Amino acid sequence: MAANGPDPREFLDMAQRMLRQLFDDRRGEDEPWAEATRHAARRNPEPSAEEQRENLTFALATRAVEALEDLSLNVAAIRQRLERTAPEPPATREDAATED
């Protein structure tokens, strides 16, 4: 059965050519942001010790807040469950007098 559409290999070849043209280093020499983007691409991807410390501190603080939120939700759920299952305290004379 003959296919009417383009050959997938031709499509991939064309896409690769377009990407090469898009990311070709010589293409952006006259663009004002070209040097900045090249500089960012050459930057060391490994964060400094200070950045790592800040990232770790932020991550630990975030986890602590999440743990406190979980704990408060658990305490609220336990309190509601206890309120539903706790027997009503017997009415005393003082309670009966205030209801009248």
Protein backbone atom coordinates (compact mmCIF):
# COMPACT_ATOMS: atom_id res chain seq x y z
CA MET A 1 0.00 0.00 0.00
CA ALA A 2 1.50 3.33 -1.04
CA ALA A 3 1.55 6.18 1.44
CA ASN A 4 0.40 9.58 0.26
CA GLY A 5 2.18 11.50 3.03
CA PRO A 6 5.81 12.57 3.26
CA ASP A 7 8.50 10.08 4.15
CA PRO A 8 9.13 10.18 7.93
CA ARG A 9 12.90 10.10 7.34
CA GLU A 10 12.66 13.24 5.20
CA PHE A 11 10.63 14.93 7.90
CA LEU A 12 13.23 14.05 10.57
CA ASP A 13 16.08 15.19 8.35
CA MET A 14 14.35 18.51 7.74
CA ALA A 15 13.65 18.95 11.45
CA GLN A 16 17.30 18.28 12.31
CA ARG A 17 18.46 20.80 9.71
CA MET A 18 16.10 23.40 11.13
CA LEU A 19 17.33 22.78 14.67
CA ARG A 20 20.96 23.04 13.56
CA GLN A 21 20.19 26.36 11.88
CA LEU A 22 18.30 27.59 14.95
CA PHE A 23 21.09 26.77 17.39
CA ASP A 24 24.05 27.52 15.16
CA ASP A 25 26.54 29.72 17.09
CA ARG A 26 27.39 31.90 14.06
CA ARG A 27 23.74 32.81 13.54
CA GLY A 28 23.37 35.21 16.49
CA GLU A 29 26.54 37.30 16.35
CA ASP A 30 24.70 40.55 15.68
CA GLU A 31 21.92 39.94 18.23
CA PRO A 32 22.39 41.93 21.47
CA TRP A 33 21.56 38.97 23.72
CA ALA A 34 23.80 36.50 21.91
CA GLU A 35 26.79 37.00 24.23
CA ALA A 36 24.62 36.72 27.33
CA THR A 37 23.07 33.47 26.19
CA ARG A 38 26.46 32.02 25.28
CA HIS A 39 27.79 33.06 28.70
CA ALA A 40 24.85 31.38 30.43
CA ALA A 41 25.43 28.21 28.43
CA ARG A 42 29.09 28.08 29.53
CA ARG A 43 28.23 28.67 33.21
CA ASN A 44 29.09 25.90 35.63
CA PRO A 45 25.88 23.95 36.25
CA GLU A 46 27.08 22.91 39.74
CA PRO A 47 25.78 25.35 42.39
CA SER A 48 28.23 26.87 44.83
CA ALA A 49 28.45 25.69 48.44
CA GLU A 50 26.44 28.73 49.58
CA GLU A 51 23.73 28.06 46.98
CA GLN A 52 23.60 24.41 48.01
CA ARG A 53 23.27 25.44 51.67
CA GLU A 54 20.45 27.87 50.81
CA ASN A 55 18.68 25.24 48.71
CA LEU A 56 18.96 22.66 51.47
CA THR A 57 17.75 25.12 54.11
CA PHE A 58 14.76 26.04 51.96
CA ALA A 59 13.96 22.38 51.28
CA LEU A 60 14.17 21.49 54.97
CA ALA A 61 12.01 24.45 55.95
CA THR A 62 9.45 23.50 53.32
CA ARG A 63 9.35 19.91 54.60
CA ALA A 64 8.98 21.15 58.19
CA VAL A 65 6.02 23.34 57.25
CA GLU A 66 4.42 20.45 55.36
CA ALA A 67 4.92 18.18 58.38
CA LEU A 68 3.31 20.75 60.69
CA GLU A 69 0.37 21.10 58.32
CA ASP A 70 -0.06 17.31 58.26
CA LEU A 71 0.15 17.18 62.04
CA SER A 72 -2.46 19.91 62.49
CA LEU A 73 -4.82 18.14 60.07
CA ASN A 74 -4.35 14.87 61.96
CA VAL A 75 -5.04 16.55 65.31
CA ALA A 76 -8.19 18.17 63.92
CA ALA A 77 -9.40 14.83 62.55
CA ILE A 78 -8.74 13.10 65.88
CA ARG A 79 -10.58 15.84 67.76
CA GLN A 80 -13.61 15.54 65.46
CA ARG A 81 -13.63 11.77 65.81
CA LEU A 82 -13.45 12.03 69.60
CA GLU A 83 -16.28 14.58 69.67
CA ARG A 84 -18.49 12.27 67.58
CA THR A 85 -17.77 9.13 69.57
CA ALA A 86 -17.63 10.63 73.08
CA PRO A 87 -20.77 9.97 75.13
CA GLU A 88 -22.83 12.94 76.19
CA PRO A 89 -22.01 13.93 79.77
CA PRO A 90 -24.94 13.47 82.13
CA ALA A 91 -26.94 16.61 82.72
CA THR A 92 -26.38 18.14 86.13
CA ARG A 93 -28.76 20.32 88.09
CA GLU A 94 -26.84 23.46 87.10
CA ASP A 95 -27.11 22.59 83.39
CA ALA A 96 -30.84 21.87 83.71
CA ALA A 97 -31.41 25.17 85.52
CA THR A 98 -29.70 27.17 82.77
CA GLU A 99 -31.75 25.48 80.04
CA ASP A 100 -35.07 26.57 81.55
